[in-house]
Amino acid sequence: MDDLQHIGYSREVIEFVAVAKEFCGYLEGSHEEDASELLSKLQKFIPLIYLKGSLLPSCESDNLGMMEEVVTEEDYNALLATLSRTLGENDEYLEVFDDNMQYSETPVVNSISEKLCDI
């Protein structure tokens, strides 16, 4: 019974994990989407992930029970390639909040697909 009182079983944590699982599952299956469908769904998913993350209870991390990373570099690169191909010319954007921009003569370019894979 005490295990069910653990913060990991709180409503906020369960809802966050559920949304994160849906997001990851959607991205992994996004090869069937066109860019406009993908972007439309991401406009809904990303704020929801942010909202659910902001509602998580604070806790001290003791690293007990932490899962090992299960995303391989091959999986990451395959998803990155799929998202990059789907987004096409809309994948890259110029970084405007990078402090190094003021010292650079060349623009700092970022990738939406890379940021999505990082999430």
PDB file of N, CA and C in Angstrom:
ATOM      1  N   MET A   1       0.822  -1.201   0.000  1.00  0.00           N
ATOM      2  CA  MET A   1       0.000   0.000   0.000  1.00  0.00           C
ATOM      3  C   MET A   1       0.857   1.253   0.000  1.00  0.00           C
ATOM      4  N   ASP A   2       2.013   1.216   0.719  1.00  0.00           N
ATOM      5  CA  ASP A   2       2.883   2.381   0.761  1.00  0.00           C
ATOM      6  C   ASP A   2       3.439   2.725  -0.615  1.00  0.00           C
ATOM      7  N   ASP A   3       3.658   1.702  -1.450  1.00  0.00           N
ATOM      8  CA  ASP A   3       4.177   1.957  -2.788  1.00  0.00           C
ATOM      9  C   ASP A   3       3.220   2.813  -3.598  1.00  0.00           C
ATOM     10  N   LEU A   4       1.915   2.631  -3.412  1.00  0.00           N
ATOM     11  CA  LEU A   4       0.937   3.415  -4.158  1.00  0.00           C
ATOM     12  C   LEU A   4       0.887   4.863  -3.695  1.00  0.00           C
ATOM     13  N   GLN A   5       1.458   5.155  -2.543  1.00  0.00           N
ATOM     14  CA  GLN A   5       1.517   6.532  -2.051  1.00  0.00           C
ATOM     15  C   GLN A   5       2.743   7.264  -2.589  1.00  0.00           C
ATOM     16  N   HIS A   6       3.614   6.549  -3.287  1.00  0.00           N
ATOM     17  CA  HIS A   6       4.824   7.147  -3.855  1.00  0.00           C
ATOM     18  C   HIS A   6       4.439   8.243  -4.844  1.00  0.00           C
ATOM     19  N   ILE A   7       5.239   9.291  -4.904  1.00  0.00           N
ATOM     20  CA  ILE A   7       4.938  10.431  -5.772  1.00  0.00           C
ATOM     21  C   ILE A   7       4.814  10.020  -7.242  1.00  0.00           C
ATOM     22  N   GLY A   8       5.478   8.933  -7.614  1.00  0.00           N
ATOM     23  CA  GLY A   8       5.409   8.437  -8.990  1.00  0.00           C
ATOM     24  C   GLY A   8       4.027   7.958  -9.383  1.00  0.00           C
ATOM     25  N   TYR A   9       3.161   7.712  -8.414  1.00  0.00           N
ATOM     26  CA  TYR A   9       1.794   7.271  -8.687  1.00  0.00           C
ATOM     27  C   TYR A   9       0.780   8.399  -8.553  1.00  0.00           C
ATOM     28  N   SER A  10       1.264   9.626  -8.420  1.00  0.00           N
ATOM     29  CA  SER A  10       0.327  10.748  -8.297  1.00  0.00           C
ATOM     30  C   SER A  10      -0.374  10.975  -9.631  1.00  0.00           C
ATOM     31  N   ARG A  11      -1.531  11.586  -9.579  1.00  0.00           N
ATOM     32  CA  ARG A  11      -2.321  11.856 -10.788  1.00  0.00           C
ATOM     33  C   ARG A  11      -1.517  12.682 -11.789  1.00  0.00           C
ATOM     34  N   GLU A  12      -0.784  13.683 -11.280  1.00  0.00           N
ATOM     35  CA  GLU A  12      -0.019  14.563 -12.159  1.00  0.00           C
ATOM     36  C   GLU A  12       1.083  13.813 -12.910  1.00  0.00           C
ATOM     37  N   VAL A  13       1.763  12.928 -12.218  1.00  0.00           N
ATOM     38  CA  VAL A  13       2.831  12.152 -12.853  1.00  0.00           C
ATOM     39  C   VAL A  13       2.248  11.194 -13.889  1.00  0.00           C
ATOM     40  N   ILE A  14       1.173  10.519 -13.532  1.00  0.00           N
ATOM     41  CA  ILE A  14       0.547   9.572 -14.463  1.00  0.00           C
ATOM     42  C   ILE A  14       0.042  10.295 -15.715  1.00  0.00           C
ATOM     43  N   GLU A  15      -0.559  11.464 -15.548  1.00  0.00           N
ATOM     44  CA  GLU A  15      -1.042  12.224 -16.707  1.00  0.00           C
ATOM     45  C   GLU A  15       0.122  12.693 -17.580  1.00  0.00           C
ATOM     46  N   PHE A  16       1.204  13.152 -16.962  1.00  0.00           N
ATOM     47  CA  PHE A  16       2.375  13.580 -17.724  1.00  0.00           C
ATOM     48  C   PHE A  16       2.955  12.421 -18.526  1.00  0.00           C
ATOM     49  N   VAL A  17       3.109  11.287 -17.879  1.00  0.00           N
ATOM     50  CA  VAL A  17       3.664  10.105 -18.556  1.00  0.00           C
ATOM     51  C   VAL A  17       2.756   9.666 -19.697  1.00  0.00           C
ATOM     52  N   ALA A  18       1.450   9.725 -19.486  1.00  0.00           N
ATOM     53  CA  ALA A  18       0.509   9.333 -20.545  1.00  0.00           C
ATOM     54  C   ALA A  18       0.642  10.246 -21.765  1.00  0.00           C
ATOM     55  N   VAL A  19       0.723  11.547 -21.532  1.00  0.00           N
ATOM     56  CA  VAL A  19       0.861  12.488 -22.648  1.00  0.00           C
ATOM     57  C   VAL A  19       2.217  12.293 -23.336  1.00  0.00           C
ATOM     58  N   ALA A  20       3.268  12.107 -22.555  1.00  0.00           N
ATOM     59  CA  ALA A  20       4.599  11.899 -23.131  1.00  0.00           C
ATOM     60  C   ALA A  20       4.640  10.614 -23.959  1.00  0.00           C
ATOM     61  N   LYS A  21       3.981   9.578 -23.480  1.00  0.00           N
ATOM     62  CA  LYS A  21       3.932   8.303 -24.223  1.00  0.00           C
ATOM     63  C   LYS A  21       3.179   8.485 -25.537  1.00  0.00           C
ATOM     64  N   GLU A  22       2.066   9.192 -25.500  1.00  0.00           N
ATOM     65  CA  GLU A  22       1.305   9.468 -26.725  1.00  0.00           C
ATOM     66  C   GLU A  22       2.143  10.282 -27.713  1.00  0.00           C
ATOM     67  N   PHE A  23       2.848  11.277 -27.214  1.00  0.00           N
ATOM     68  CA  PHE A  23       3.696  12.117 -28.060  1.00  0.00           C
ATOM     69  C   PHE A  23       4.781  11.279 -28.734  1.00  0.00           C
ATOM     70  N   CYS A  24       5.473  10.469 -27.952  1.00  0.00           N
ATOM     71  CA  CYS A  24       6.540   9.635 -28.513  1.00  0.00           C
ATOM     72  C   CYS A  24       5.981   8.640 -29.523  1.00  0.00           C
ATOM     73  N   GLY A  25       4.857   8.020 -29.191  1.00  0.00           N
ATOM     74  CA  GLY A  25       4.227   7.081 -30.114  1.00  0.00           C
ATOM     75  C   GLY A  25       3.806   7.754 -31.403  1.00  0.00           C
ATOM     76  N   TYR A  26       3.287   8.968 -31.279  1.00  0.00           N
ATOM     77  CA  TYR A  26       2.885   9.706 -32.472  1.00  0.00           C
ATOM     78  C   TYR A  26       4.099  10.013 -33.353  1.00  0.00           C
ATOM     79  N   LEU A  27       5.165  10.517 -32.740  1.00  0.00           N
ATOM     80  CA  LEU A  27       6.353  10.837 -33.527  1.00  0.00           C
ATOM     81  C   LEU A  27       6.922   9.607 -34.215  1.00  0.00           C
ATOM     82  N   GLU A  28       6.945   8.492 -33.503  1.00  0.00           N
ATOM     83  CA  GLU A  28       7.491   7.265 -34.093  1.00  0.00           C
ATOM     84  C   GLU A  28       6.656   6.781 -35.268  1.00  0.00           C
ATOM     85  N   GLY A  29       5.380   7.107 -35.301  1.00  0.00           N
ATOM     86  CA  GLY A  29       4.515   6.710 -36.404  1.00  0.00           C
ATOM     87  C   GLY A  29       4.254   7.830 -37.391  1.00  0.00           C
ATOM     88  N   SER A  30       4.980   8.930 -37.255  1.00  0.00           N
ATOM     89  CA  SER A  30       4.694  10.118 -38.061  1.00  0.00           C
ATOM     90  C   SER A  30       5.120   9.993 -39.519  1.00  0.00           C
ATOM     91  N   HIS A  31       5.776   8.905 -39.889  1.00  0.00           N
ATOM     92  CA  HIS A  31       6.196   8.742 -41.280  1.00  0.00           C
ATOM     93  C   HIS A  31       5.003   8.687 -42.230  1.00  0.00           C
ATOM     94  N   GLU A  32       3.825   8.454 -41.694  1.00  0.00           N
ATOM     95  CA  GLU A  32       2.614   8.389 -42.515  1.00  0.00           C
ATOM     96  C   GLU A  32       1.935   9.755 -42.653  1.00  0.00           C
ATOM     97  N   GLU A  33       2.425  10.767 -41.947  1.00  0.00           N
ATOM     98  CA  GLU A  33       1.808  12.096 -41.943  1.00  0.00           C
ATOM     99  C   GLU A  33       2.482  12.996 -42.965  1.00  0.00           C
ATOM    100  N   ASP A  34       1.733  13.969 -43.472  1.00  0.00           N
ATOM    101  CA  ASP A  34       2.384  15.007 -44.257  1.00  0.00           C
ATOM    102  C   ASP A  34       2.735  16.150 -43.307  1.00  0.00           C
ATOM    103  N   ALA A  35       3.505  17.107 -43.796  1.00  0.00           N
ATOM    104  CA  ALA A  35       4.032  18.168 -42.935  1.00  0.00           C
ATOM    105  C   ALA A  35       2.926  18.969 -42.248  1.00  0.00           C
ATOM    106  N   SER A  36       1.858  19.296 -42.958  1.00  0.00           N
ATOM    107  CA  SER A  36       0.806  20.110 -42.342  1.00  0.00           C
ATOM    108  C   SER A  36       0.082  19.354 -41.232  1.00  0.00           C
ATOM    109  N   GLU A  37      -0.153  18.046 -41.417  1.00  0.00           N
ATOM    110  CA  GLU A  37      -0.786  17.245 -40.358  1.00  0.00           C
ATOM    111  C   GLU A  37       0.140  17.142 -39.151  1.00  0.00           C
ATOM    112  N   LEU A  38       1.415  16.888 -39.410  1.00  0.00           N
ATOM    113  CA  LEU A  38       2.399  16.772 -38.339  1.00  0.00           C
ATOM    114  C   LEU A  38       2.460  18.062 -37.522  1.00  0.00           C
ATOM    115  N   LEU A  39       2.602  19.182 -38.192  1.00  0.00           N
ATOM    116  CA  LEU A  39       2.706  20.460 -37.487  1.00  0.00           C
ATOM    117  C   LEU A  39       1.425  20.796 -36.732  1.00  0.00           C
ATOM    118  N   SER A  40       0.276  20.475 -37.296  1.00  0.00           N
ATOM    119  CA  SER A  40      -0.990  20.730 -36.625  1.00  0.00           C
ATOM    120  C   SER A  40      -1.079  19.950 -35.310  1.00  0.00           C
ATOM    121  N   LYS A  41      -0.694  18.686 -35.343  1.00  0.00           N
ATOM    122  CA  LYS A  41      -0.749  17.876 -34.117  1.00  0.00           C
ATOM    123  C   LYS A  41       0.308  18.321 -33.116  1.00  0.00           C
ATOM    124  N   LEU A  42       1.489  18.721 -33.600  1.00  0.00           N
ATOM    125  CA  LEU A  42       2.538  19.182 -32.689  1.00  0.00           C
ATOM    126  C   LEU A  42       2.140  20.476 -31.991  1.00  0.00           C
ATOM    127  N   GLN A  43       1.362  21.317 -32.659  1.00  0.00           N
ATOM    128  CA  GLN A  43       0.888  22.551 -32.031  1.00  0.00           C
ATOM    129  C   GLN A  43      -0.024  22.253 -30.848  1.00  0.00           C
ATOM    130  N   LYS A  44      -0.579  21.069 -30.812  1.00  0.00           N
ATOM    131  CA  LYS A  44      -1.428  20.677 -29.684  1.00  0.00           C
ATOM    132  C   LYS A  44      -0.629  19.896 -28.646  1.00  0.00           C
ATOM    133  N   PHE A  45       0.232  18.991 -29.116  1.00  0.00           N
ATOM    134  CA  PHE A  45       1.002  18.143 -28.209  1.00  0.00           C
ATOM    135  C   PHE A  45       1.986  18.933 -27.353  1.00  0.00           C
ATOM    136  N   ILE A  46       2.770  19.798 -27.973  1.00  0.00           N
ATOM    137  CA  ILE A  46       3.863  20.453 -27.251  1.00  0.00           C
ATOM    138  C   ILE A  46       3.362  21.332 -26.108  1.00  0.00           C
ATOM    139  N   PRO A  47       2.347  22.169 -26.310  1.00  0.00           N
ATOM    140  CA  PRO A  47       1.837  22.925 -25.151  1.00  0.00           C
ATOM    141  C   PRO A  47       1.264  22.007 -24.059  1.00  0.00           C
ATOM    142  N   LEU A  48       0.657  20.884 -24.467  1.00  0.00           N
ATOM    143  CA  LEU A  48       0.099  19.963 -23.475  1.00  0.00           C
ATOM    144  C   LEU A  48       1.210  19.314 -22.653  1.00  0.00           C
ATOM    145  N   ILE A  49       2.299  18.931 -23.308  1.00  0.00           N
ATOM    146  CA  ILE A  49       3.443  18.378 -22.571  1.00  0.00           C
ATOM    147  C   ILE A  49       3.991  19.421 -21.600  1.00  0.00           C
ATOM    148  N   TYR A  50       4.117  20.642 -22.069  1.00  0.00           N
ATOM    149  CA  TYR A  50       4.610  21.725 -21.219  1.00  0.00           C
ATOM    150  C   TYR A  50       3.680  21.932 -20.023  1.00  0.00           C
ATOM    151  N   LEU A  51       2.385  21.967 -20.284  1.00  0.00           N
ATOM    152  CA  LEU A  51       1.411  22.152 -19.202  1.00  0.00           C
ATOM    153  C   LEU A  51       1.499  21.018 -18.191  1.00  0.00           C
ATOM    154  N   LYS A  52       1.476  19.784 -18.669  1.00  0.00           N
ATOM    155  CA  LYS A  52       1.527  18.636 -17.754  1.00  0.00           C
ATOM    156  C   LYS A  52       2.844  18.611 -16.981  1.00  0.00           C
ATOM    157  N   GLY A  53       3.931  19.024 -17.627  1.00  0.00           N
ATOM    158  CA  GLY A  53       5.215  19.091 -16.936  1.00  0.00           C
ATOM    159  C   GLY A  53       5.230  20.159 -15.860  1.00  0.00           C
ATOM    160  N   SER A  54       4.552  21.273 -16.121  1.00  0.00           N
ATOM    161  CA  SER A  54       4.520  22.353 -15.134  1.00  0.00           C
ATOM    162  C   SER A  54       3.681  21.992 -13.911  1.00  0.00           C
ATOM    163  N   LEU A  55       2.810  20.997 -14.033  1.00  0.00           N
ATOM    164  CA  LEU A  55       1.965  20.579 -12.919  1.00  0.00           C
ATOM    165  C   LEU A  55       2.578  19.456 -12.084  1.00  0.00           C
ATOM    166  N   LEU A  56       3.746  18.959 -12.494  1.00  0.00           N
ATOM    167  CA  LEU A  56       4.382  17.880 -11.746  1.00  0.00           C
ATOM    168  C   LEU A  56       4.755  18.348 -10.349  1.00  0.00           C
ATOM    169  N   PRO A  57       4.557  17.489  -9.361  1.00  0.00           N
ATOM    170  CA  PRO A  57       4.939  17.860  -7.997  1.00  0.00           C
ATOM    171  C   PRO A  57       6.459  17.913  -7.870  1.00  0.00           C
ATOM    172  N   SER A  58       6.931  18.800  -7.020  1.00  0.00           N
ATOM    173  CA  SER A  58       8.378  18.857  -6.799  1.00  0.00           C
ATOM    174  C   SER A  58       8.779  17.687  -5.912  1.00  0.00           C
ATOM    175  N   CYS A  59       9.975  17.208  -6.134  1.00  0.00           N
ATOM    176  CA  CYS A  59      10.473  16.097  -5.328  1.00  0.00           C
ATOM    177  C   CYS A  59      11.986  16.097  -5.371  1.00  0.00           C
ATOM    178  N   GLU A  60      12.559  15.452  -4.406  1.00  0.00           N
ATOM    179  CA  GLU A  60      14.006  15.268  -4.365  1.00  0.00           C
ATOM    180  C   GLU A  60      14.348  14.039  -5.184  1.00  0.00           C
ATOM    181  N   SER A  61      15.346  14.159  -6.022  1.00  0.00           N
ATOM    182  CA  SER A  61      15.757  13.021  -6.843  1.00  0.00           C
ATOM    183  C   SER A  61      16.824  12.228  -6.110  1.00  0.00           C
ATOM    184  N   ASP A  62      16.546  10.975  -5.889  1.00  0.00           N
ATOM    185  CA  ASP A  62      17.546  10.105  -5.291  1.00  0.00           C
ATOM    186  C   ASP A  62      18.046   9.084  -6.315  1.00  0.00           C
ATOM    187  N   ASN A  63      17.570   9.231  -7.546  1.00  0.00           N
ATOM    188  CA  ASN A  63      17.940   8.367  -8.664  1.00  0.00           C
ATOM    189  C   ASN A  63      17.589   6.900  -8.447  1.00  0.00           C
ATOM    190  N   LEU A  64      16.832   6.607  -7.416  1.00  0.00           N
ATOM    191  CA  LEU A  64      16.393   5.233  -7.208  1.00  0.00           C
ATOM    192  C   LEU A  64      15.247   4.935  -8.156  1.00  0.00           C
ATOM    193  N   GLY A  65      15.294   3.810  -8.771  1.00  0.00           N
ATOM    194  CA  GLY A  65      14.221   3.402  -9.655  1.00  0.00           C
ATOM    195  C   GLY A  65      14.239   4.090 -11.006  1.00  0.00           C
ATOM    196  N   MET A  66      15.317   4.792 -11.318  1.00  0.00           N
ATOM    197  CA  MET A  66      15.407   5.466 -12.614  1.00  0.00           C
ATOM    198  C   MET A  66      15.657   4.423 -13.696  1.00  0.00           C
ATOM    199  N   MET A  67      14.943   4.592 -14.787  1.00  0.00           N
ATOM    200  CA  MET A  67      15.116   3.675 -15.908  1.00  0.00           C
ATOM    201  C   MET A  67      16.371   4.045 -16.683  1.00  0.00           C
ATOM    202  N   GLU A  68      16.982   3.038 -17.254  1.00  0.00           N
ATOM    203  CA  GLU A  68      18.116   3.302 -18.129  1.00  0.00           C
ATOM    204  C   GLU A  68      17.589   3.858 -19.439  1.00  0.00           C
ATOM    205  N   GLU A  69      18.438   4.608 -20.127  1.00  0.00           N
ATOM    206  CA  GLU A  69      18.047   5.133 -21.427  1.00  0.00           C
ATOM    207  C   GLU A  69      17.847   3.959 -22.381  1.00  0.00           C
ATOM    208  N   VAL A  70      16.774   4.021 -23.160  1.00  0.00           N
ATOM    209  CA  VAL A  70      16.488   2.915 -24.074  1.00  0.00           C
ATOM    210  C   VAL A  70      16.470   3.363 -25.533  1.00  0.00           C
ATOM    211  N   VAL A  71      16.710   4.633 -25.792  1.00  0.00           N
ATOM    212  CA  VAL A  71      16.741   5.114 -27.168  1.00  0.00           C
ATOM    213  C   VAL A  71      18.161   4.959 -27.686  1.00  0.00           C
ATOM    214  N   THR A  72      18.316   4.140 -28.697  1.00  0.00           N
ATOM    215  CA  THR A  72      19.639   3.955 -29.280  1.00  0.00           C
ATOM    216  C   THR A  72      19.936   5.084 -30.251  1.00  0.00           C
ATOM    217  N   GLU A  73      21.193   5.237 -30.579  1.00  0.00           N
ATOM    218  CA  GLU A  73      21.580   6.256 -31.549  1.00  0.00           C
ATOM    219  C   GLU A  73      20.956   5.970 -32.911  1.00  0.00           C
ATOM    220  N   GLU A  74      20.835   4.694 -33.249  1.00  0.00           N
ATOM    221  CA  GLU A  74      20.211   4.318 -34.522  1.00  0.00           C
ATOM    222  C   GLU A  74      18.738   4.715 -34.548  1.00  0.00           C
ATOM    223  N   ASP A  75      18.032   4.471 -33.431  1.00  0.00           N
ATOM    224  CA  ASP A  75      16.618   4.857 -33.341  1.00  0.00           C
ATOM    225  C   ASP A  75      16.470   6.370 -33.464  1.00  0.00           C
ATOM    226  N   TYR A  76      17.318   7.087 -32.756  1.00  0.00           N
ATOM    227  CA  TYR A  76      17.278   8.553 -32.783  1.00  0.00           C
ATOM    228  C   TYR A  76      17.498   9.054 -34.208  1.00  0.00           C
ATOM    229  N   ASN A  77      18.545   8.547 -34.861  1.00  0.00           N
ATOM    230  CA  ASN A  77      18.872   8.999 -36.217  1.00  0.00           C
ATOM    231  C   ASN A  77      17.793   8.631 -37.229  1.00  0.00           C
ATOM    232  N   ALA A  78      17.164   7.477 -37.059  1.00  0.00           N
ATOM    233  CA  ALA A  78      16.088   7.076 -37.966  1.00  0.00           C
ATOM    234  C   ALA A  78      14.891   8.008 -37.815  1.00  0.00           C
ATOM    235  N   LEU A  79      14.522   8.327 -36.575  1.00  0.00           N
ATOM    236  CA  LEU A  79      13.409   9.254 -36.341  1.00  0.00           C
ATOM    237  C   LEU A  79      13.760  10.650 -36.848  1.00  0.00           C
ATOM    238  N   LEU A  80      14.991  11.078 -36.610  1.00  0.00           N
ATOM    239  CA  LEU A  80      15.446  12.383 -37.088  1.00  0.00           C
ATOM    240  C   LEU A  80      15.326  12.477 -38.610  1.00  0.00           C
ATOM    241  N   ALA A  81      15.754  11.434 -39.305  1.00  0.00           N
ATOM    242  CA  ALA A  81      15.683  11.424 -40.770  1.00  0.00           C
ATOM    243  C   ALA A  81      14.236  11.465 -41.244  1.00  0.00           C
ATOM    244  N   THR A  82      13.364  10.703 -40.583  1.00  0.00           N
ATOM    245  CA  THR A  82      11.949  10.675 -40.962  1.00  0.00           C
ATOM    246  C   THR A  82      11.308  12.047 -40.776  1.00  0.00           C
ATOM    247  N   LEU A  83      11.522  12.655 -39.607  1.00  0.00           N
ATOM    248  CA  LEU A  83      10.933  13.966 -39.330  1.00  0.00           C
ATOM    249  C   LEU A  83      11.508  15.036 -40.260  1.00  0.00           C
ATOM    250  N   SER A  84      12.795  14.978 -40.496  1.00  0.00           N
ATOM    251  CA  SER A  84      13.436  15.939 -41.381  1.00  0.00           C
ATOM    252  C   SER A  84      12.893  15.828 -42.801  1.00  0.00           C
ATOM    253  N   ARG A  85      12.703  14.605 -43.249  1.00  0.00           N
ATOM    254  CA  ARG A  85      12.140  14.365 -44.592  1.00  0.00           C
ATOM    255  C   ARG A  85      10.692  14.867 -44.654  1.00  0.00           C
ATOM    256  N   THR A  86       9.913  14.615 -43.612  1.00  0.00           N
ATOM    257  CA  THR A  86       8.513  15.046 -43.586  1.00  0.00           C
ATOM    258  C   THR A  86       8.408  16.564 -43.583  1.00  0.00           C
ATOM    259  N   LEU A  87       9.229  17.229 -42.769  1.00  0.00           N
ATOM    260  CA  LEU A  87       9.156  18.681 -42.661  1.00  0.00           C
ATOM    261  C   LEU A  87       9.814  19.388 -43.849  1.00  0.00           C
ATOM    262  N   GLY A  88      10.728  18.711 -44.501  1.00  0.00           N
ATOM    263  CA  GLY A  88      11.368  19.253 -45.695  1.00  0.00           C
ATOM    264  C   GLY A  88      11.999  20.611 -45.458  1.00  0.00           C
ATOM    265  N   GLU A  89      11.675  21.561 -46.318  1.00  0.00           N
ATOM    266  CA  GLU A  89      12.270  22.893 -46.228  1.00  0.00           C
ATOM    267  C   GLU A  89      11.802  23.659 -44.996  1.00  0.00           C
ATOM    268  N   ASN A  90      10.767  23.183 -44.326  1.00  0.00           N
ATOM    269  CA  ASN A  90      10.267  23.840 -43.111  1.00  0.00           C
ATOM    270  C   ASN A  90      10.967  23.355 -41.846  1.00  0.00           C
ATOM    271  N   ASP A  91      11.957  22.481 -41.991  1.00  0.00           N
ATOM    272  CA  ASP A  91      12.618  21.897 -40.825  1.00  0.00           C
ATOM    273  C   ASP A  91      13.589  22.862 -40.150  1.00  0.00           C
ATOM    274  N   GLU A  92      14.245  23.701 -40.910  1.00  0.00           N
ATOM    275  CA  GLU A  92      15.274  24.558 -40.334  1.00  0.00           C
ATOM    276  C   GLU A  92      14.753  25.957 -40.041  1.00  0.00           C
ATOM    277  N   TYR A  93      15.297  26.541 -38.981  1.00  0.00           N
ATOM    278  CA  TYR A  93      14.961  27.914 -38.614  1.00  0.00           C
ATOM    279  C   TYR A  93      16.198  28.588 -38.053  1.00  0.00           C
ATOM    280  N   LEU A  94      16.210  29.913 -38.106  1.00  0.00           N
ATOM    281  CA  LEU A  94      17.337  30.673 -37.588  1.00  0.00           C
ATOM    282  C   LEU A  94      17.166  30.901 -36.092  1.00  0.00           C
ATOM    283  N   GLU A  95      18.208  30.634 -35.345  1.00  0.00           N
ATOM    284  CA  GLU A  95      18.198  30.851 -33.909  1.00  0.00           C
ATOM    285  C   GLU A  95      18.408  32.332 -33.642  1.00  0.00           C
ATOM    286  N   VAL A  96      17.522  32.925 -32.895  1.00  0.00           N
ATOM    287  CA  VAL A  96      17.636  34.356 -32.614  1.00  0.00           C
ATOM    288  C   VAL A  96      17.970  34.635 -31.149  1.00  0.00           C
ATOM    289  N   PHE A  97      17.900  33.641 -30.302  1.00  0.00           N
ATOM    290  CA  PHE A  97      18.157  33.849 -28.880  1.00  0.00           C
ATOM    291  C   PHE A  97      19.514  33.326 -28.443  1.00  0.00           C
ATOM    292  N   ASP A  98      20.372  32.980 -29.388  1.00  0.00           N
ATOM    293  CA  ASP A  98      21.696  32.467 -29.093  1.00  0.00           C
ATOM    294  C   ASP A  98      22.644  33.652 -28.886  1.00  0.00           C
ATOM    295  N   ASP A  99      23.320  33.691 -27.754  1.00  0.00           N
ATOM    296  CA  ASP A  99      24.238  34.794 -27.462  1.00  0.00           C
ATOM    297  C   ASP A  99      25.359  34.898 -28.488  1.00  0.00           C
ATOM    298  N   ASN A 100      25.706  33.775 -29.111  1.00  0.00           N
ATOM    299  CA  ASN A 100      26.782  33.787 -30.102  1.00  0.00           C
ATOM    300  C   ASN A 100      26.370  34.473 -31.406  1.00  0.00           C
ATOM    301  N   MET A 101      25.081  34.707 -31.605  1.00  0.00           N
ATOM    302  CA  MET A 101      24.602  35.358 -32.830  1.00  0.00           C
ATOM    303  C   MET A 101      25.238  36.728 -33.022  1.00  0.00           C
ATOM    304  N   GLN A 102      25.422  37.482 -31.956  1.00  0.00           N
ATOM    305  CA  GLN A 102      25.952  38.835 -32.087  1.00  0.00           C
ATOM    306  C   GLN A 102      27.400  38.852 -32.548  1.00  0.00           C
ATOM    307  N   TYR A 103      28.123  37.740 -32.374  1.00  0.00           N
ATOM    308  CA  TYR A 103      29.522  37.678 -32.778  1.00  0.00           C
ATOM    309  C   TYR A 103      29.722  36.914 -34.079  1.00  0.00           C
ATOM    310  N   SER A 104      28.655  36.392 -34.634  1.00  0.00           N
ATOM    311  CA  SER A 104      28.756  35.537 -35.803  1.00  0.00           C
ATOM    312  C   SER A 104      28.330  36.278 -37.066  1.00  0.00           C
ATOM    313  N   GLU A 105      29.080  36.048 -38.122  1.00  0.00           N
ATOM    314  CA  GLU A 105      28.698  36.615 -39.409  1.00  0.00           C
ATOM    315  C   GLU A 105      27.792  35.666 -40.174  1.00  0.00           C
ATOM    316  N   THR A 106      27.728  34.429 -39.730  1.00  0.00           N
ATOM    317  CA  THR A 106      26.852  33.451 -40.361  1.00  0.00           C
ATOM    318  C   THR A 106      25.707  33.141 -39.412  1.00  0.00           C
ATOM    319  N   PRO A 107      24.531  32.897 -39.949  1.00  0.00           N
ATOM    320  CA  PRO A 107      23.384  32.611 -39.077  1.00  0.00           C
ATOM    321  C   PRO A 107      23.535  31.274 -38.359  1.00  0.00           C
ATOM    322  N   VAL A 108      22.962  31.204 -37.174  1.00  0.00           N
ATOM    323  CA  VAL A 108      22.931  29.964 -36.413  1.00  0.00           C
ATOM    324  C   VAL A 108      21.619  29.267 -36.778  1.00  0.00           C
ATOM    325  N   VAL A 109      21.738  28.097 -37.399  1.00  0.00           N
ATOM    326  CA  VAL A 109      20.572  27.375 -37.902  1.00  0.00           C
ATOM    327  C   VAL A 109      20.258  26.212 -36.967  1.00  0.00           C
ATOM    328  N   ASN A 110      18.988  26.032 -36.638  1.00  0.00           N
ATOM    329  CA  ASN A 110      18.513  24.908 -35.831  1.00  0.00           C
ATOM    330  C   ASN A 110      17.521  24.079 -36.639  1.00  0.00           C
ATOM    331  N   SER A 111      17.223  22.909 -36.126  1.00  0.00           N
ATOM    332  CA  SER A 111      16.348  21.974 -36.800  1.00  0.00           C
ATOM    333  C   SER A 111      15.178  21.610 -35.889  1.00  0.00           C
ATOM    334  N   ILE A 112      13.965  21.773 -36.395  1.00  0.00           N
ATOM    335  CA  ILE A 112      12.778  21.382 -35.637  1.00  0.00           C
ATOM    336  C   ILE A 112      12.802  19.887 -35.360  1.00  0.00           C
ATOM    337  N   SER A 113      13.176  19.096 -36.374  1.00  0.00           N
ATOM    338  CA  SER A 113      13.183  17.638 -36.193  1.00  0.00           C
ATOM    339  C   SER A 113      14.173  17.230 -35.101  1.00  0.00           C
ATOM    340  N   GLU A 114      15.303  17.901 -35.006  1.00  0.00           N
ATOM    341  CA  GLU A 114      16.270  17.569 -33.951  1.00  0.00           C
ATOM    342  C   GLU A 114      15.710  17.918 -32.566  1.00  0.00           C
ATOM    343  N   LYS A 115      15.056  19.050 -32.459  1.00  0.00           N
ATOM    344  CA  LYS A 115      14.454  19.437 -31.171  1.00  0.00           C
ATOM    345  C   LYS A 115      13.351  18.475 -30.765  1.00  0.00           C
ATOM    346  N   LEU A 116      12.562  18.010 -31.738  1.00  0.00           N
ATOM    347  CA  LEU A 116      11.505  17.041 -31.447  1.00  0.00           C
ATOM    348  C   LEU A 116      12.103  15.720 -30.972  1.00  0.00           C
ATOM    349  N   CYS A 117      13.173  15.278 -31.599  1.00  0.00           N
ATOM    350  CA  CYS A 117      13.826  14.028 -31.189  1.00  0.00           C
ATOM    351  C   CYS A 117      14.405  14.174 -29.791  1.00  0.00           C
ATOM    352  N   ASP A 118      14.920  15.345 -29.470  1.00  0.00           N
ATOM    353  CA  ASP A 118      15.468  15.570 -28.135  1.00  0.00           C
ATOM    354  C   ASP A 118      14.383  15.463 -27.067  1.00  0.00           C
ATOM    355  N   ILE A 119      13.189  15.912 -27.388  1.00  0.00           N
ATOM    356  CA  ILE A 119      12.074  15.791 -26.436  1.00  0.00           C
ATOM    357  C   ILE A 119      11.782  14.329 -26.221  1.00  0.00           C
TER     358      ILE A 119
END
